[in-house]
PDB file of N, CA and C in Angstrom:
ATOM      1  N   UNK A   1     145.622 122.526  92.788  1.00  0.00           N
ATOM      2  CA  UNK A   1     145.096 121.758  93.887  1.00  0.00           C
ATOM      3  C   UNK A   1     144.252 122.642  94.816  1.00  0.00           C
ATOM      4  N   UNK A   2     144.695 123.865  95.042  1.00  0.00           N
ATOM      5  CA  UNK A   2     143.962 124.779  95.907  1.00  0.00           C
ATOM      6  C   UNK A   2     142.631 125.152  95.272  1.00  0.00           C
ATOM      7  N   UNK A   3     142.622 125.338  93.944  1.00  0.00           N
ATOM      8  CA  UNK A   3     141.391 125.674  93.246  1.00  0.00           C
ATOM      9  C   UNK A   3     140.371 124.542  93.378  1.00  0.00           C
ATOM     10  N   UNK A   4     140.846 123.333  93.396  1.00  0.00           N
ATOM     11  CA  UNK A   4     139.963 122.179  93.563  1.00  0.00           C
ATOM     12  C   UNK A   4     139.238 122.251  94.903  1.00  0.00           C
ATOM     13  N   UNK A   5     139.979 122.598  95.959  1.00  0.00           N
ATOM     14  CA  UNK A   5     139.378 122.710  97.287  1.00  0.00           C
ATOM     15  C   UNK A   5     138.408 123.889  97.360  1.00  0.00           C
ATOM     16  N   UNK A   6     138.742 124.975  96.704  1.00  0.00           N
ATOM     17  CA  UNK A   6     137.843 126.138  96.679  1.00  0.00           C
ATOM     18  C   UNK A   6     136.539 125.766  95.971  1.00  0.00           C
ATOM     19  N   UNK A   7     136.656 125.048  94.879  1.00  0.00           N
ATOM     20  CA  UNK A   7     135.469 124.591  94.158  1.00  0.00           C
ATOM     21  C   UNK A   7     134.616 123.673  95.003  1.00  0.00           C
ATOM     22  N   UNK A   8     135.227 122.785  95.756  1.00  0.00           N
ATOM     23  CA  UNK A   8     134.476 121.888  96.637  1.00  0.00           C
ATOM     24  C   UNK A   8     133.771 122.659  97.752  1.00  0.00           C
ATOM     25  N   UNK A   9     134.445 123.658  98.310  1.00  0.00           N
ATOM     26  CA  UNK A   9     133.844 124.468  99.366  1.00  0.00           C
ATOM     27  C   UNK A   9     132.653 125.254  98.816  1.00  0.00           C
ATOM     28  N   UNK A  10     132.814 125.841  97.648  1.00  0.00           N
ATOM     29  CA  UNK A  10     131.706 126.577  97.028  1.00  0.00           C
ATOM     30  C   UNK A  10     130.536 125.638  96.772  1.00  0.00           C
ATOM     31  N   UNK A  11     130.819 124.443  96.310  1.00  0.00           N
ATOM     32  CA  UNK A  11     129.771 123.455  96.063  1.00  0.00           C
ATOM     33  C   UNK A  11     129.020 123.130  97.345  1.00  0.00           C
ATOM     34  N   UNK A  12     129.741 122.908  98.427  1.00  0.00           N
ATOM     35  CA  UNK A  12     129.108 122.546  99.692  1.00  0.00           C
ATOM     36  C   UNK A  12     128.372 123.712 100.340  1.00  0.00           C
ATOM     37  N   UNK A  13     128.901 124.916 100.217  1.00  0.00           N
ATOM     38  CA  UNK A  13     128.355 126.065 100.921  1.00  0.00           C
ATOM     39  C   UNK A  13     127.242 126.756 100.130  1.00  0.00           C
ATOM     40  N   UNK A  14     127.330 126.782  98.818  1.00  0.00           N
ATOM     41  CA  UNK A  14     126.377 127.551  98.018  1.00  0.00           C
ATOM     42  C   UNK A  14     125.419 126.639  97.251  1.00  0.00           C
ATOM     43  N   UNK A  15     125.941 125.766  96.465  1.00  0.00           N
ATOM     44  CA  UNK A  15     125.124 124.993  95.539  1.00  0.00           C
ATOM     45  C   UNK A  15     124.279 123.948  96.271  1.00  0.00           C
ATOM     46  N   UNK A  16     124.867 123.206  97.176  1.00  0.00           N
ATOM     47  CA  UNK A  16     124.147 122.146  97.864  1.00  0.00           C
ATOM     48  C   UNK A  16     122.948 122.673  98.662  1.00  0.00           C
ATOM     49  N   UNK A  17     123.040 123.762  99.415  1.00  0.00           N
ATOM     50  CA  UNK A  17     121.837 124.277 100.098  1.00  0.00           C
ATOM     51  C   UNK A  17     120.732 124.725  99.129  1.00  0.00           C
ATOM     52  N   UNK A  18     121.121 125.292  97.983  1.00  0.00           N
ATOM     53  CA  UNK A  18     120.125 125.694  96.991  1.00  0.00           C
ATOM     54  C   UNK A  18     119.409 124.462  96.445  1.00  0.00           C
ATOM     55  N   UNK A  19     120.142 123.414  96.160  1.00  0.00           N
ATOM     56  CA  UNK A  19     119.541 122.179  95.653  1.00  0.00           C
ATOM     57  C   UNK A  19     118.609 121.575  96.711  1.00  0.00           C
ATOM     58  N   UNK A  20     119.046 121.573  97.943  1.00  0.00           N
ATOM     59  CA  UNK A  20     118.208 121.028  99.029  1.00  0.00           C
ATOM     60  C   UNK A  20     116.950 121.871  99.204  1.00  0.00           C
ATOM     61  N   UNK A  21     117.069 123.190  99.121  1.00  0.00           N
ATOM     62  CA  UNK A  21     115.909 124.077  99.234  1.00  0.00           C
ATOM     63  C   UNK A  21     114.906 123.806  98.111  1.00  0.00           C
ATOM     64  N   UNK A  22     115.394 123.707  96.869  1.00  0.00           N
ATOM     65  CA  UNK A  22     114.504 123.448  95.741  1.00  0.00           C
ATOM     66  C   UNK A  22     113.862 122.072  95.841  1.00  0.00           C
ATOM     67  N   UNK A  23     114.603 121.082  96.271  1.00  0.00           N
ATOM     68  CA  UNK A  23     114.058 119.743  96.449  1.00  0.00           C
ATOM     69  C   UNK A  23     112.977 119.737  97.530  1.00  0.00           C
ATOM     70  N   UNK A  24     113.200 120.489  98.585  1.00  0.00           N
ATOM     71  CA  UNK A  24     112.212 120.587  99.655  1.00  0.00           C
ATOM     72  C   UNK A  24     110.909 121.206  99.140  1.00  0.00           C
ATOM     73  N   UNK A  25     111.003 122.238  98.298  1.00  0.00           N
ATOM     74  CA  UNK A  25     109.809 122.858  97.726  1.00  0.00           C
ATOM     75  C   UNK A  25     109.061 121.892  96.815  1.00  0.00           C
ATOM     76  N   UNK A  26     109.793 121.123  96.027  1.00  0.00           N
ATOM     77  CA  UNK A  26     109.158 120.149  95.140  1.00  0.00           C
ATOM     78  C   UNK A  26     108.446 119.073  95.957  1.00  0.00           C
ATOM     79  N   UNK A  27     109.095 118.602  97.004  1.00  0.00           N
ATOM     80  CA  UNK A  27     108.481 117.566  97.837  1.00  0.00           C
ATOM     81  C   UNK A  27     107.256 118.095  98.580  1.00  0.00           C
ATOM     82  N   UNK A  28     107.279 119.352  99.003  1.00  0.00           N
ATOM     83  CA  UNK A  28     106.121 119.949  99.674  1.00  0.00           C
ATOM     84  C   UNK A  28     104.943 120.047  98.694  1.00  0.00           C
ATOM     85  N   UNK A  29     105.221 120.452  97.457  1.00  0.00           N
ATOM     86  CA  UNK A  29     104.164 120.518  96.445  1.00  0.00           C
ATOM     87  C   UNK A  29     103.614 119.124  96.159  1.00  0.00           C
ATOM     88  N   UNK A  30     104.479 118.148  96.130  1.00  0.00           N
ATOM     89  CA  UNK A  30     104.049 116.767  95.902  1.00  0.00           C
ATOM     90  C   UNK A  30     103.126 116.290  97.017  1.00  0.00           C
ATOM     91  N   UNK A  31     103.420 116.644  98.244  1.00  0.00           N
ATOM     92  CA  UNK A  31     102.559 116.266  99.368  1.00  0.00           C
ATOM     93  C   UNK A  31     101.189 116.943  99.273  1.00  0.00           C
ATOM     94  N   UNK A  32     101.164 118.218  98.832  1.00  0.00           N
ATOM     95  CA  UNK A  32      99.880 118.909  98.661  1.00  0.00           C
ATOM     96  C   UNK A  32      99.065 118.254  97.549  1.00  0.00           C
ATOM     97  N   UNK A  33      99.727 117.864  96.480  1.00  0.00           N
ATOM     98  CA  UNK A  33      99.039 117.187  95.379  1.00  0.00           C
ATOM     99  C   UNK A  33      98.500 115.846  95.852  1.00  0.00           C
ATOM    100  N   UNK A  34      99.288 115.116  96.613  1.00  0.00           N
ATOM    101  CA  UNK A  34      98.842 113.818  97.115  1.00  0.00           C
ATOM    102  C   UNK A  34      97.622 113.981  98.024  1.00  0.00           C
ATOM    103  N   UNK A  35      97.625 114.987  98.890  1.00  0.00           N
ATOM    104  CA  UNK A  35      96.480 115.217  99.773  1.00  0.00           C
ATOM    105  C   UNK A  35      95.237 115.592  98.963  1.00  0.00           C
ATOM    106  N   UNK A  36      95.410 116.422  97.943  1.00  0.00           N
ATOM    107  CA  UNK A  36      94.271 116.805  97.103  1.00  0.00           C
ATOM    108  C   UNK A  36      93.731 115.603  96.334  1.00  0.00           C
ATOM    109  N   UNK A  37      94.611 114.753  95.828  1.00  0.00           N
ATOM    110  CA  UNK A  37      94.137 113.581  95.092  1.00  0.00           C
ATOM    111  C   UNK A  37      93.437 112.595  96.022  1.00  0.00           C
ATOM    112  N   UNK A  38      93.881 112.497  97.263  1.00  0.00           N
ATOM    113  CA  UNK A  38      93.177 111.649  98.232  1.00  0.00           C
ATOM    114  C   UNK A  38      91.773 112.187  98.511  1.00  0.00           C
ATOM    115  N   UNK A  39      91.644 113.512  98.607  1.00  0.00           N
ATOM    116  CA  UNK A  39      90.325 114.122  98.811  1.00  0.00           C
ATOM    117  C   UNK A  39      89.412 113.869  97.609  1.00  0.00           C
ATOM    118  N   UNK A  40      89.968 113.968  96.413  1.00  0.00           N
ATOM    119  CA  UNK A  40      89.194 113.730  95.201  1.00  0.00           C
ATOM    120  C   UNK A  40      88.723 112.280  95.156  1.00  0.00           C
ATOM    121  N   UNK A  41      89.601 111.355  95.514  1.00  0.00           N
ATOM    122  CA  UNK A  41      89.238 109.942  95.518  1.00  0.00           C
ATOM    123  C   UNK A  41      88.122 109.666  96.525  1.00  0.00           C
ATOM    124  N   UNK A  42      88.237 110.250  97.700  1.00  0.00           N
ATOM    125  CA  UNK A  42      87.199 110.054  98.713  1.00  0.00           C
ATOM    126  C   UNK A  42      85.859 110.624  98.238  1.00  0.00           C
ATOM    127  N   UNK A  43      85.886 111.778  97.604  1.00  0.00           N
ATOM    128  CA  UNK A  43      84.661 112.367  97.059  1.00  0.00           C
ATOM    129  C   UNK A  43      84.063 111.516  95.953  1.00  0.00           C
ATOM    130  N   UNK A  44      84.905 110.950  95.110  1.00  0.00           N
ATOM    131  CA  UNK A  44      84.415 110.083  94.042  1.00  0.00           C
ATOM    132  C   UNK A  44      83.766 108.826  94.574  1.00  0.00           C
ATOM    133  N   UNK A  45      84.352 108.256  95.610  1.00  0.00           N
ATOM    134  CA  UNK A  45      83.761 107.059  96.226  1.00  0.00           C
ATOM    135  C   UNK A  45      82.418 107.403  96.858  1.00  0.00           C
ATOM    136  N   UNK A  46      82.334 108.539  97.520  1.00  0.00           N
ATOM    137  CA  UNK A  46      81.061 108.960  98.125  1.00  0.00           C
ATOM    138  C   UNK A  46      80.017 109.223  97.044  1.00  0.00           C
ATOM    139  N   UNK A  47      80.424 109.817  95.948  1.00  0.00           N
ATOM    140  CA  UNK A  47      79.502 110.095  94.852  1.00  0.00           C
ATOM    141  C   UNK A  47      79.000 108.801  94.218  1.00  0.00           C
ATOM    142  N   UNK A  48      79.876 107.834  94.063  1.00  0.00           N
ATOM    143  CA  UNK A  48      79.461 106.552  93.486  1.00  0.00           C
ATOM    144  C   UNK A  48      78.386 105.893  94.341  1.00  0.00           C
ATOM    145  N   UNK A  49      78.460 106.053  95.635  1.00  0.00           N
ATOM    146  CA  UNK A  49      77.442 105.504  96.519  1.00  0.00           C
ATOM    147  C   UNK A  49      76.100 106.193  96.350  1.00  0.00           C
ATOM    148  N   UNK A  50      76.112 107.460  95.946  1.00  0.00           N
ATOM    149  CA  UNK A  50      74.870 108.206  95.749  1.00  0.00           C
ATOM    150  C   UNK A  50      74.181 107.855  94.435  1.00  0.00           C
ATOM    151  N   UNK A  51      74.860 107.165  93.536  1.00  0.00           N
ATOM    152  CA  UNK A  51      74.306 106.870  92.220  1.00  0.00           C
ATOM    153  C   UNK A  51      73.596 105.523  92.155  1.00  0.00           C
ATOM    154  N   UNK A  52      73.407 104.871  93.290  1.00  0.00           N
ATOM    155  CA  UNK A  52      72.780 103.550  93.293  1.00  0.00           C
ATOM    156  C   UNK A  52      71.329 103.589  92.822  1.00  0.00           C
ATOM    157  N   UNK A  53      70.620 104.662  93.056  1.00  0.00           N
ATOM    158  CA  UNK A  53      69.205 104.742  92.696  1.00  0.00           C
ATOM    159  C   UNK A  53      68.939 105.250  91.288  1.00  0.00           C
ATOM    160  N   UNK A  54      69.973 105.515  90.518  1.00  0.00           N
ATOM    161  CA  UNK A  54      69.790 106.090  89.184  1.00  0.00           C
ATOM    162  C   UNK A  54      69.020 105.165  88.237  1.00  0.00           C
ATOM    163  N   UNK A  55      69.303 103.863  88.165  1.00  0.00           N
ATOM    164  CA  UNK A  55      68.539 103.019  87.227  1.00  0.00           C
ATOM    165  C   UNK A  55      67.034 103.034  87.507  1.00  0.00           C
ATOM    166  N   UNK A  56      66.654 103.013  88.780  1.00  0.00           N
ATOM    167  CA  UNK A  56      65.230 103.064  89.107  1.00  0.00           C
ATOM    168  C   UNK A  56      64.634 104.415  88.711  1.00  0.00           C
ATOM    169  N   UNK A  57      65.352 105.486  88.938  1.00  0.00           N
ATOM    170  CA  UNK A  57      64.870 106.816  88.563  1.00  0.00           C
ATOM    171  C   UNK A  57      64.721 106.931  87.049  1.00  0.00           C
ATOM    172  N   UNK A  58      65.639 106.347  86.299  1.00  0.00           N
ATOM    173  CA  UNK A  58      65.522 106.372  84.847  1.00  0.00           C
ATOM    174  C   UNK A  58      64.326 105.558  84.364  1.00  0.00           C
ATOM    175  N   UNK A  59      64.030 104.459  85.036  1.00  0.00           N
ATOM    176  CA  UNK A  59      62.862 103.659  84.669  1.00  0.00           C
ATOM    177  C   UNK A  59      61.585 104.464  84.891  1.00  0.00           C
ATOM    178  N   UNK A  60      61.498 105.193  85.997  1.00  0.00           N
ATOM    179  CA  UNK A  60      60.330 106.038  86.269  1.00  0.00           C
ATOM    180  C   UNK A  60      60.240 107.141  85.217  1.00  0.00           C
ATOM    181  N   UNK A  61      61.364 107.727  84.855  1.00  0.00           N
ATOM    182  CA  UNK A  61      61.382 108.775  83.839  1.00  0.00           C
ATOM    183  C   UNK A  61      60.890 108.236  82.499  1.00  0.00           C
ATOM    184  N   UNK A  62      61.346 107.043  82.126  1.00  0.00           N
ATOM    185  CA  UNK A  62      60.894 106.447  80.867  1.00  0.00           C
ATOM    186  C   UNK A  62      59.386 106.230  80.868  1.00  0.00           C
ATOM    187  N   UNK A  63      58.842 105.752  81.978  1.00  0.00           N
ATOM    188  CA  UNK A  63      57.394 105.544  82.092  1.00  0.00           C
ATOM    189  C   UNK A  63      56.647 106.867  81.973  1.00  0.00           C
ATOM    190  N   UNK A  64      57.140 107.905  82.616  1.00  0.00           N
ATOM    191  CA  UNK A  64      56.510 109.222  82.564  1.00  0.00           C
ATOM    192  C   UNK A  64      56.551 109.786  81.144  1.00  0.00           C
ATOM    193  N   UNK A  65      57.680 109.637  80.481  1.00  0.00           N
ATOM    194  CA  UNK A  65      57.802 110.133  79.102  1.00  0.00           C
ATOM    195  C   UNK A  65      56.811 109.411  78.192  1.00  0.00           C
ATOM    196  N   UNK A  66      56.668 108.126  78.363  1.00  0.00           N
ATOM    197  CA  UNK A  66      55.717 107.352  77.555  1.00  0.00           C
ATOM    198  C   UNK A  66      54.284 107.840  77.785  1.00  0.00           C
ATOM    199  N   UNK A  67      53.931 108.105  79.049  1.00  0.00           N
ATOM    200  CA  UNK A  67      52.584 108.593  79.357  1.00  0.00           C
ATOM    201  C   UNK A  67      52.348 109.971  78.754  1.00  0.00           C
ATOM    202  N   UNK A  68      53.330 110.837  78.823  1.00  0.00           N
ATOM    203  CA  UNK A  68      53.197 112.173  78.248  1.00  0.00           C
ATOM    204  C   UNK A  68      53.079 112.081  76.736  1.00  0.00           C
ATOM    205  N   UNK A  69      53.833 111.166  76.139  1.00  0.00           N
ATOM    206  CA  UNK A  69      53.787 111.004  74.689  1.00  0.00           C
ATOM    207  C   UNK A  69      52.386 110.572  74.240  1.00  0.00           C
ATOM    208  N   UNK A  70      51.814 109.617  74.944  1.00  0.00           N
ATOM    209  CA  UNK A  70      50.475 109.147  74.603  1.00  0.00           C
ATOM    210  C   UNK A  70      49.472 110.284  74.741  1.00  0.00           C
ATOM    211  N   UNK A  71      49.542 111.033  75.809  1.00  0.00           N
ATOM    212  CA  UNK A  71      48.632 112.168  76.016  1.00  0.00           C
ATOM    213  C   UNK A  71      48.816 113.235  74.955  1.00  0.00           C
ATOM    214  N   UNK A  72      50.061 113.512  74.563  1.00  0.00           N
ATOM    215  CA  UNK A  72      50.323 114.541  73.561  1.00  0.00           C
ATOM    216  C   UNK A  72      49.768 114.116  72.202  1.00  0.00           C
ATOM    217  N   UNK A  73      49.893 112.837  71.859  1.00  0.00           N
ATOM    218  CA  UNK A  73      49.353 112.349  70.585  1.00  0.00           C
ATOM    219  C   UNK A  73      47.827 112.450  70.594  1.00  0.00           C
ATOM    220  N   UNK A  74      47.201 112.088  71.704  1.00  0.00           N
ATOM    221  CA  UNK A  74      45.748 112.207  71.815  1.00  0.00           C
ATOM    222  C   UNK A  74      45.298 113.661  71.697  1.00  0.00           C
ATOM    223  N   UNK A  75      46.012 114.542  72.360  1.00  0.00           N
ATOM    224  CA  UNK A  75      45.681 115.972  72.317  1.00  0.00           C
ATOM    225  C   UNK A  75      45.830 116.515  70.895  1.00  0.00           C
ATOM    226  N   UNK A  76      46.949 116.160  70.250  1.00  0.00           N
ATOM    227  CA  UNK A  76      47.176 116.647  68.889  1.00  0.00           C
ATOM    228  C   UNK A  76      46.112 116.129  67.945  1.00  0.00           C
ATOM    229  N   UNK A  77      45.633 114.875  68.139  1.00  0.00           N
ATOM    230  CA  UNK A  77      44.565 114.340  67.300  1.00  0.00           C
ATOM    231  C   UNK A  77      43.270 115.092  67.497  1.00  0.00           C
ATOM    232  N   UNK A  78      42.951 115.430  68.730  1.00  0.00           N
ATOM    233  CA  UNK A  78      41.740 116.184  69.015  1.00  0.00           C
ATOM    234  C   UNK A  78      41.788 117.567  68.428  1.00  0.00           C
ATOM    235  N   UNK A  79      42.934 118.244  68.557  1.00  0.00           N
ATOM    236  CA  UNK A  79      43.102 119.579  68.008  1.00  0.00           C
ATOM    237  C   UNK A  79      43.004 119.525  66.485  1.00  0.00           C
ATOM    238  N   UNK A  80      43.565 118.480  65.878  1.00  0.00           N
ATOM    239  CA  UNK A  80      43.489 118.353  64.427  1.00  0.00           C
ATOM    240  C   UNK A  80      42.049 118.196  63.965  1.00  0.00           C
ATOM    241  N   UNK A  81      41.250 117.458  64.724  1.00  0.00           N
ATOM    242  CA  UNK A  81      39.829 117.285  64.354  1.00  0.00           C
ATOM    243  C   UNK A  81      39.071 118.610  64.482  1.00  0.00           C
ATOM    244  N   UNK A  82      39.398 119.380  65.530  1.00  0.00           N
ATOM    245  CA  UNK A  82      38.720 120.650  65.740  1.00  0.00           C
ATOM    246  C   UNK A  82      39.083 121.662  64.649  1.00  0.00           C
ATOM    247  N   UNK A  83      40.324 121.671  64.251  1.00  0.00           N
ATOM    248  CA  UNK A  83      40.776 122.650  63.259  1.00  0.00           C
ATOM    249  C   UNK A  83      40.521 122.163  61.850  1.00  0.00           C
ATOM    250  N   UNK A  84      40.287 120.895  61.720  1.00  0.00           N
ATOM    251  CA  UNK A  84      40.213 120.199  60.538  1.00  0.00           C
ATOM    252  C   UNK A  84      39.555 120.347  59.354  1.00  0.00           C
TER     253      UNK A  84
END
């Protein structure tokens, strides 16, 4: 019976504070992770707002590529005639 009480005292005095300390560290890390994920989410939302003009920019790029392609074909034809 006395050993039972000694075991309970050891549990309360030694083991329980260690468990509480480790749990506190885990919860602190969890809070840091939560804050970082909130920052990432806010950055992603801000980035999504910056991408609104991408379709128009791609349309301009496609037009420019087409113009360059036409010019390059004309140039290559002229060079072929000169070297020909």
